Amino acid sequence: MVCEAESVPAEIKADRGWACLKLQGPFPFSETGILSSFIGPLAANAIPIFAISTYDTDYVLIKEEFVEKALSTLRKAGHKLIE
């Protein structure tokens, strides 16, 4: 199960400390390589991720200690970051 950390009771064991990046969609199923173009540069720079895809949006979770490196890497790869 994936949810906001604030929604998990303190006594529940959980892997905390993730930041979530949303790939602005929707993306048609006929378009290929969208997620790959996003996570490829991260993998090339040894940034671990956890990806979640829904029917119209992709999310990439990154451990908090890698967020700054990930954002810098994505900018260098030509991705436009919207805050």
PDB file of N, CA and C in Angstrom:
ATOM      1  N   MET A   1       0.838  -1.157   0.000  1.00  0.00           N
ATOM      2  CA  MET A   1       0.000   0.000   0.000  1.00  0.00           C
ATOM      3  C   MET A   1       0.894   1.233   0.000  1.00  0.00           C
ATOM      4  N   VAL A   2       0.530   2.212  -0.777  1.00  0.00           N
ATOM      5  CA  VAL A   2       1.258   3.472  -0.839  1.00  0.00           C
ATOM      6  C   VAL A   2       0.294   4.582  -0.476  1.00  0.00           C
ATOM      7  N   CYS A   3       0.698   5.417   0.479  1.00  0.00           N
ATOM      8  CA  CYS A   3      -0.129   6.553   0.884  1.00  0.00           C
ATOM      9  C   CYS A   3       0.767   7.619   1.500  1.00  0.00           C
ATOM     10  N   GLU A   4       0.179   8.761   1.795  1.00  0.00           N
ATOM     11  CA  GLU A   4       0.939   9.828   2.441  1.00  0.00           C
ATOM     12  C   GLU A   4       1.376   9.364   3.824  1.00  0.00           C
ATOM     13  N   ALA A   5       2.600   9.712   4.194  1.00  0.00           N
ATOM     14  CA  ALA A   5       3.152   9.270   5.473  1.00  0.00           C
ATOM     15  C   ALA A   5       2.286   9.708   6.651  1.00  0.00           C
ATOM     16  N   GLU A   6       1.661  10.872   6.530  1.00  0.00           N
ATOM     17  CA  GLU A   6       0.826  11.379   7.616  1.00  0.00           C
ATOM     18  C   GLU A   6      -0.388  10.485   7.871  1.00  0.00           C
ATOM     19  N   SER A   7      -0.742   9.669   6.898  1.00  0.00           N
ATOM     20  CA  SER A   7      -1.903   8.791   7.028  1.00  0.00           C
ATOM     21  C   SER A   7      -1.581   7.465   7.719  1.00  0.00           C
ATOM     22  N   VAL A   8      -0.296   7.212   7.946  1.00  0.00           N
ATOM     23  CA  VAL A   8       0.121   5.951   8.558  1.00  0.00           C
ATOM     24  C   VAL A   8       0.298   6.167  10.058  1.00  0.00           C
ATOM     25  N   PRO A   9      -0.416   5.408  10.872  1.00  0.00           N
ATOM     26  CA  PRO A   9      -0.240   5.539  12.324  1.00  0.00           C
ATOM     27  C   PRO A   9       1.209   5.273  12.730  1.00  0.00           C
ATOM     28  N   ALA A  10       1.686   5.973  13.728  1.00  0.00           N
ATOM     29  CA  ALA A  10       3.084   5.886  14.157  1.00  0.00           C
ATOM     30  C   ALA A  10       3.489   4.469  14.538  1.00  0.00           C
ATOM     31  N   GLU A  11       2.567   3.677  15.069  1.00  0.00           N
ATOM     32  CA  GLU A  11       2.915   2.321  15.519  1.00  0.00           C
ATOM     33  C   GLU A  11       2.989   1.306  14.369  1.00  0.00           C
ATOM     34  N   ILE A  12       2.629   1.716  13.173  1.00  0.00           N
ATOM     35  CA  ILE A  12       2.667   0.825  12.010  1.00  0.00           C
ATOM     36  C   ILE A  12       4.052   0.871  11.373  1.00  0.00           C
ATOM     37  N   LYS A  13       4.609  -0.325  11.112  1.00  0.00           N
ATOM     38  CA  LYS A  13       5.897  -0.395  10.431  1.00  0.00           C
ATOM     39  C   LYS A  13       5.698   0.042   8.985  1.00  0.00           C
ATOM     40  N   ALA A  14       6.495   1.002   8.555  1.00  0.00           N
ATOM     41  CA  ALA A  14       6.372   1.527   7.192  1.00  0.00           C
ATOM     42  C   ALA A  14       7.729   2.035   6.712  1.00  0.00           C
ATOM     43  N   ASP A  15       7.927   2.024   5.423  1.00  0.00           N
ATOM     44  CA  ASP A  15       9.134   2.588   4.815  1.00  0.00           C
ATOM     45  C   ASP A  15       8.844   4.058   4.546  1.00  0.00           C
ATOM     46  N   ARG A  16       9.319   4.902   5.403  1.00  0.00           N
ATOM     47  CA  ARG A  16       9.021   6.339   5.333  1.00  0.00           C
ATOM     48  C   ARG A  16      10.157   7.100   4.654  1.00  0.00           C
ATOM     49  N   GLY A  17       9.915   8.366   4.384  1.00  0.00           N
ATOM     50  CA  GLY A  17      10.960   9.221   3.844  1.00  0.00           C
ATOM     51  C   GLY A  17      11.047   9.239   2.332  1.00  0.00           C
ATOM     52  N   TRP A  18       9.899   9.240   1.674  1.00  0.00           N
ATOM     53  CA  TRP A  18       9.847   9.278   0.219  1.00  0.00           C
ATOM     54  C   TRP A  18       9.257  10.601  -0.254  1.00  0.00           C
ATOM     55  N   ALA A  19       9.748  11.075  -1.383  1.00  0.00           N
ATOM     56  CA  ALA A  19       9.159  12.228  -2.073  1.00  0.00           C
ATOM     57  C   ALA A  19       8.495  11.683  -3.332  1.00  0.00           C
ATOM     58  N   CYS A  20       7.401  12.296  -3.730  1.00  0.00           N
ATOM     59  CA  CYS A  20       6.650  11.820  -4.888  1.00  0.00           C
ATOM     60  C   CYS A  20       6.698  12.849  -6.009  1.00  0.00           C
ATOM     61  N   LEU A  21       7.105  12.404  -7.184  1.00  0.00           N
ATOM     62  CA  LEU A  21       7.084  13.239  -8.380  1.00  0.00           C
ATOM     63  C   LEU A  21       5.991  12.708  -9.294  1.00  0.00           C
ATOM     64  N   LYS A  22       5.148  13.594  -9.763  1.00  0.00           N
ATOM     65  CA  LYS A  22       4.057  13.214 -10.655  1.00  0.00           C
ATOM     66  C   LYS A  22       4.418  13.620 -12.075  1.00  0.00           C
ATOM     67  N   LEU A  23       4.332  12.683 -12.990  1.00  0.00           N
ATOM     68  CA  LEU A  23       4.534  13.001 -14.398  1.00  0.00           C
ATOM     69  C   LEU A  23       3.211  13.533 -14.920  1.00  0.00           C
ATOM     70  N   GLN A  24       3.233  14.760 -15.385  1.00  0.00           N
ATOM     71  CA  GLN A  24       2.003  15.428 -15.798  1.00  0.00           C
ATOM     72  C   GLN A  24       1.398  14.727 -16.999  1.00  0.00           C
ATOM     73  N   GLY A  25       0.249  14.162 -16.828  1.00  0.00           N
ATOM     74  CA  GLY A  25      -0.455  13.435 -17.885  1.00  0.00           C
ATOM     75  C   GLY A  25      -1.764  14.126 -18.197  1.00  0.00           C
ATOM     76  N   PRO A  26      -2.696  13.439 -18.779  1.00  0.00           N
ATOM     77  CA  PRO A  26      -2.677  12.005 -19.046  1.00  0.00           C
ATOM     78  C   PRO A  26      -1.843  11.668 -20.279  1.00  0.00           C
ATOM     79  N   PHE A  27      -1.347  10.439 -20.292  1.00  0.00           N
ATOM     80  CA  PHE A  27      -0.583   9.926 -21.418  1.00  0.00           C
ATOM     81  C   PHE A  27      -1.370   8.797 -22.067  1.00  0.00           C
ATOM     82  N   PRO A  28      -1.599   8.869 -23.355  1.00  0.00           N
ATOM     83  CA  PRO A  28      -2.294   7.770 -24.026  1.00  0.00           C
ATOM     84  C   PRO A  28      -1.453   6.491 -23.980  1.00  0.00           C
ATOM     85  N   PHE A  29      -2.116   5.341 -23.907  1.00  0.00           N
ATOM     86  CA  PHE A  29      -1.402   4.070 -23.892  1.00  0.00           C
ATOM     87  C   PHE A  29      -0.586   3.867 -25.161  1.00  0.00           C
ATOM     88  N   SER A  30      -0.933   4.536 -26.243  1.00  0.00           N
ATOM     89  CA  SER A  30      -0.197   4.379 -27.496  1.00  0.00           C
ATOM     90  C   SER A  30       1.163   5.074 -27.468  1.00  0.00           C
ATOM     91  N   GLU A  31       1.376   5.990 -26.520  1.00  0.00           N
ATOM     92  CA  GLU A  31       2.675   6.654 -26.387  1.00  0.00           C
ATOM     93  C   GLU A  31       3.579   5.775 -25.546  1.00  0.00           C
ATOM     94  N   THR A  32       4.731   5.442 -26.092  1.00  0.00           N
ATOM     95  CA  THR A  32       5.661   4.574 -25.382  1.00  0.00           C
ATOM     96  C   THR A  32       6.917   5.339 -24.993  1.00  0.00           C
ATOM     97  N   GLY A  33       7.572   4.882 -23.942  1.00  0.00           N
ATOM     98  CA  GLY A  33       8.860   5.449 -23.547  1.00  0.00           C
ATOM     99  C   GLY A  33       8.789   6.655 -22.634  1.00  0.00           C
ATOM    100  N   ILE A  34       7.608   7.078 -22.237  1.00  0.00           N
ATOM    101  CA  ILE A  34       7.498   8.277 -21.391  1.00  0.00           C
ATOM    102  C   ILE A  34       8.157   8.043 -20.041  1.00  0.00           C
ATOM    103  N   LEU A  35       7.759   6.994 -19.359  1.00  0.00           N
ATOM    104  CA  LEU A  35       8.342   6.706 -18.054  1.00  0.00           C
ATOM    105  C   LEU A  35       9.832   6.401 -18.186  1.00  0.00           C
ATOM    106  N   SER A  36      10.191   5.687 -19.220  1.00  0.00           N
ATOM    107  CA  SER A  36      11.597   5.352 -19.452  1.00  0.00           C
ATOM    108  C   SER A  36      12.462   6.599 -19.628  1.00  0.00           C
ATOM    109  N   SER A  37      11.941   7.606 -20.333  1.00  0.00           N
ATOM    110  CA  SER A  37      12.720   8.837 -20.543  1.00  0.00           C
ATOM    111  C   SER A  37      12.924   9.590 -19.239  1.00  0.00           C
ATOM    112  N   PHE A  38      12.049   9.350 -18.289  1.00  0.00           N
ATOM    113  CA  PHE A  38      12.130  10.018 -16.984  1.00  0.00           C
ATOM    114  C   PHE A  38      13.059   9.268 -16.036  1.00  0.00           C
ATOM    115  N   ILE A  39      12.897   7.946 -15.976  1.00  0.00           N
ATOM    116  CA  ILE A  39      13.687   7.189 -15.008  1.00  0.00           C
ATOM    117  C   ILE A  39      15.057   6.772 -15.546  1.00  0.00           C
ATOM    118  N   GLY A  40      15.242   6.791 -16.854  1.00  0.00           N
ATOM    119  CA  GLY A  40      16.542   6.446 -17.434  1.00  0.00           C
ATOM    120  C   GLY A  40      17.678   7.303 -16.894  1.00  0.00           C
ATOM    121  N   PRO A  41      17.542   8.640 -16.920  1.00  0.00           N
ATOM    122  CA  PRO A  41      18.610   9.484 -16.368  1.00  0.00           C
ATOM    123  C   PRO A  41      18.832   9.254 -14.875  1.00  0.00           C
ATOM    124  N   LEU A  42      17.766   8.931 -14.152  1.00  0.00           N
ATOM    125  CA  LEU A  42      17.914   8.660 -12.719  1.00  0.00           C
ATOM    126  C   LEU A  42      18.727   7.390 -12.509  1.00  0.00           C
ATOM    127  N   ALA A  43      18.406   6.349 -13.270  1.00  0.00           N
ATOM    128  CA  ALA A  43      19.149   5.095 -13.165  1.00  0.00           C
ATOM    129  C   ALA A  43      20.618   5.295 -13.548  1.00  0.00           C
ATOM    130  N   ALA A  44      20.865   6.081 -14.579  1.00  0.00           N
ATOM    131  CA  ALA A  44      22.234   6.337 -15.028  1.00  0.00           C
ATOM    132  C   ALA A  44      23.056   7.064 -13.976  1.00  0.00           C
ATOM    133  N   ASN A  45      22.372   7.740 -13.046  1.00  0.00           N
ATOM    134  CA  ASN A  45      23.048   8.470 -11.980  1.00  0.00           C
ATOM    135  C   ASN A  45      22.873   7.789 -10.624  1.00  0.00           C
ATOM    136  N   ALA A  46      22.555   6.504 -10.639  1.00  0.00           N
ATOM    137  CA  ALA A  46      22.451   5.676  -9.421  1.00  0.00           C
ATOM    138  C   ALA A  46      21.458   6.227  -8.407  1.00  0.00           C
ATOM    139  N   ILE A  47      20.324   6.721  -8.917  1.00  0.00           N
ATOM    140  CA  ILE A  47      19.264   7.229  -8.045  1.00  0.00           C
ATOM    141  C   ILE A  47      18.150   6.188  -8.031  1.00  0.00           C
ATOM    142  N   PRO A  48      17.951   5.517  -6.906  1.00  0.00           N
ATOM    143  CA  PRO A  48      16.905   4.494  -6.844  1.00  0.00           C
ATOM    144  C   PRO A  48      15.518   5.114  -6.831  1.00  0.00           C
ATOM    145  N   ILE A  49      14.571   4.426  -7.460  1.00  0.00           N
ATOM    146  CA  ILE A  49      13.202   4.937  -7.540  1.00  0.00           C
ATOM    147  C   ILE A  49      12.206   3.816  -7.287  1.00  0.00           C
ATOM    148  N   PHE A  50      10.979   4.213  -7.050  1.00  0.00           N
ATOM    149  CA  PHE A  50       9.839   3.300  -6.988  1.00  0.00           C
ATOM    150  C   PHE A  50       8.777   3.940  -7.873  1.00  0.00           C
ATOM    151  N   ALA A  51       8.410   3.289  -8.961  1.00  0.00           N
ATOM    152  CA  ALA A  51       7.459   3.858  -9.920  1.00  0.00           C
ATOM    153  C   ALA A  51       6.075   3.244  -9.738  1.00  0.00           C
ATOM    154  N   ILE A  52       5.073   4.085  -9.890  1.00  0.00           N
ATOM    155  CA  ILE A  52       3.678   3.662  -9.835  1.00  0.00           C
ATOM    156  C   ILE A  52       2.990   4.231 -11.067  1.00  0.00           C
ATOM    157  N   SER A  53       2.321   3.375 -11.801  1.00  0.00           N
ATOM    158  CA  SER A  53       1.586   3.825 -12.984  1.00  0.00           C
ATOM    159  C   SER A  53       0.107   3.567 -12.786  1.00  0.00           C
ATOM    160  N   THR A  54      -0.696   4.550 -13.154  1.00  0.00           N
ATOM    161  CA  THR A  54      -2.143   4.395 -13.148  1.00  0.00           C
ATOM    162  C   THR A  54      -2.615   4.466 -14.593  1.00  0.00           C
ATOM    163  N   TYR A  55      -3.907   4.434 -14.797  1.00  0.00           N
ATOM    164  CA  TYR A  55      -4.417   4.453 -16.162  1.00  0.00           C
ATOM    165  C   TYR A  55      -4.120   5.754 -16.885  1.00  0.00           C
ATOM    166  N   ASP A  56      -3.861   6.853 -16.164  1.00  0.00           N
ATOM    167  CA  ASP A  56      -3.599   8.114 -16.865  1.00  0.00           C
ATOM    168  C   ASP A  56      -2.426   8.923 -16.324  1.00  0.00           C
ATOM    169  N   THR A  57      -1.754   8.444 -15.299  1.00  0.00           N
ATOM    170  CA  THR A  57      -0.667   9.209 -14.693  1.00  0.00           C
ATOM    171  C   THR A  57       0.403   8.266 -14.171  1.00  0.00           C
ATOM    172  N   ASP A  58       1.647   8.722 -14.190  1.00  0.00           N
ATOM    173  CA  ASP A  58       2.760   7.978 -13.590  1.00  0.00           C
ATOM    174  C   ASP A  58       3.310   8.795 -12.430  1.00  0.00           C
ATOM    175  N   TYR A  59       3.715   8.081 -11.395  1.00  0.00           N
ATOM    176  CA  TYR A  59       4.337   8.696 -10.224  1.00  0.00           C
ATOM    177  C   TYR A  59       5.677   8.023 -10.004  1.00  0.00           C
ATOM    178  N   VAL A  60       6.675   8.807  -9.617  1.00  0.00           N
ATOM    179  CA  VAL A  60       7.982   8.263  -9.296  1.00  0.00           C
ATOM    180  C   VAL A  60       8.319   8.708  -7.875  1.00  0.00           C
ATOM    181  N   LEU A  61       8.530   7.726  -7.005  1.00  0.00           N
ATOM    182  CA  LEU A  61       8.894   8.012  -5.628  1.00  0.00           C
ATOM    183  C   LEU A  61      10.396   7.889  -5.483  1.00  0.00           C
ATOM    184  N   ILE A  62      10.966   8.843  -4.761  1.00  0.00           N
ATOM    185  CA  ILE A  62      12.410   8.925  -4.572  1.00  0.00           C
ATOM    186  C   ILE A  62      12.666   9.128  -3.084  1.00  0.00           C
ATOM    187  N   LYS A  63      13.610   8.375  -2.537  1.00  0.00           N
ATOM    188  CA  LYS A  63      13.960   8.562  -1.135  1.00  0.00           C
ATOM    189  C   LYS A  63      14.455   9.997  -0.939  1.00  0.00           C
ATOM    190  N   GLU A  64      14.101  10.579   0.198  1.00  0.00           N
ATOM    191  CA  GLU A  64      14.382  11.997   0.450  1.00  0.00           C
ATOM    192  C   GLU A  64      15.854  12.361   0.289  1.00  0.00           C
ATOM    193  N   GLU A  65      16.767  11.443   0.633  1.00  0.00           N
ATOM    194  CA  GLU A  65      18.188  11.779   0.536  1.00  0.00           C
ATOM    195  C   GLU A  65      18.670  11.899  -0.909  1.00  0.00           C
ATOM    196  N   PHE A  66      17.861  11.481  -1.874  1.00  0.00           N
ATOM    197  CA  PHE A  66      18.231  11.558  -3.293  1.00  0.00           C
ATOM    198  C   PHE A  66      17.470  12.648  -4.057  1.00  0.00           C
ATOM    199  N   VAL A  67      16.585  13.365  -3.390  1.00  0.00           N
ATOM    200  CA  VAL A  67      15.702  14.303  -4.099  1.00  0.00           C
ATOM    201  C   VAL A  67      16.471  15.391  -4.834  1.00  0.00           C
ATOM    202  N   GLU A  68      17.392  16.058  -4.174  1.00  0.00           N
ATOM    203  CA  GLU A  68      18.116  17.160  -4.835  1.00  0.00           C
ATOM    204  C   GLU A  68      18.901  16.658  -6.041  1.00  0.00           C
ATOM    205  N   LYS A  69      19.571  15.527  -5.881  1.00  0.00           N
ATOM    206  CA  LYS A  69      20.331  14.946  -6.999  1.00  0.00           C
ATOM    207  C   LYS A  69      19.378  14.558  -8.127  1.00  0.00           C
ATOM    208  N   ALA A  70      18.226  14.013  -7.782  1.00  0.00           N
ATOM    209  CA  ALA A  70      17.245  13.605  -8.797  1.00  0.00           C
ATOM    210  C   ALA A  70      16.724  14.809  -9.566  1.00  0.00           C
ATOM    211  N   LEU A  71      16.364  15.869  -8.862  1.00  0.00           N
ATOM    212  CA  LEU A  71      15.837  17.060  -9.536  1.00  0.00           C
ATOM    213  C   LEU A  71      16.883  17.676 -10.463  1.00  0.00           C
ATOM    214  N   SER A  72      18.109  17.748 -10.005  1.00  0.00           N
ATOM    215  CA  SER A  72      19.194  18.270 -10.838  1.00  0.00           C
ATOM    216  C   SER A  72      19.399  17.392 -12.073  1.00  0.00           C
ATOM    217  N   THR A  73      19.383  16.098 -11.885  1.00  0.00           N
ATOM    218  CA  THR A  73      19.552  15.146 -12.989  1.00  0.00           C
ATOM    219  C   THR A  73      18.438  15.292 -14.010  1.00  0.00           C
ATOM    220  N   LEU A  74      17.202  15.419 -13.532  1.00  0.00           N
ATOM    221  CA  LEU A  74      16.063  15.554 -14.445  1.00  0.00           C
ATOM    222  C   LEU A  74      16.123  16.858 -15.233  1.00  0.00           C
ATOM    223  N   ARG A  75      16.530  17.940 -14.584  1.00  0.00           N
ATOM    224  CA  ARG A  75      16.675  19.220 -15.296  1.00  0.00           C
ATOM    225  C   ARG A  75      17.731  19.096 -16.391  1.00  0.00           C
ATOM    226  N   LYS A  76      18.867  18.491 -16.056  1.00  0.00           N
ATOM    227  CA  LYS A  76      19.944  18.320 -17.043  1.00  0.00           C
ATOM    228  C   LYS A  76      19.501  17.442 -18.212  1.00  0.00           C
ATOM    229  N   ALA A  77      18.561  16.533 -17.950  1.00  0.00           N
ATOM    230  CA  ALA A  77      18.066  15.641 -18.999  1.00  0.00           C
ATOM    231  C   ALA A  77      16.980  16.312 -19.851  1.00  0.00           C
ATOM    232  N   GLY A  78      16.634  17.563 -19.510  1.00  0.00           N
ATOM    233  CA  GLY A  78      15.681  18.307 -20.322  1.00  0.00           C
ATOM    234  C   GLY A  78      14.237  18.270 -19.838  1.00  0.00           C
ATOM    235  N   HIS A  79      14.014  17.722 -18.662  1.00  0.00           N
ATOM    236  CA  HIS A  79      12.654  17.694 -18.133  1.00  0.00           C
ATOM    237  C   HIS A  79      12.317  19.031 -17.474  1.00  0.00           C
ATOM    238  N   LYS A  80      11.114  19.471 -17.695  1.00  0.00           N
ATOM    239  CA  LYS A  80      10.620  20.710 -17.090  1.00  0.00           C
ATOM    240  C   LYS A  80       9.927  20.346 -15.787  1.00  0.00           C
ATOM    241  N   LEU A  81      10.393  20.931 -14.709  1.00  0.00           N
ATOM    242  CA  LEU A  81       9.819  20.632 -13.400  1.00  0.00           C
ATOM    243  C   LEU A  81       8.839  21.723 -13.016  1.00  0.00           C
ATOM    244  N   ILE A  82       7.628  21.315 -12.671  1.00  0.00           N
ATOM    245  CA  ILE A  82       6.574  22.233 -12.260  1.00  0.00           C
ATOM    246  C   ILE A  82       6.315  22.013 -10.779  1.00  0.00           C
ATOM    247  N   GLU A  83       6.398  23.064 -10.010  1.00  0.00           N
ATOM    248  CA  GLU A  83       6.184  22.904  -8.568  1.00  0.00           C
ATOM    249  C   GLU A  83       4.810  23.340  -8.161  1.00  0.00           C
TER     250      GLU A  83
END
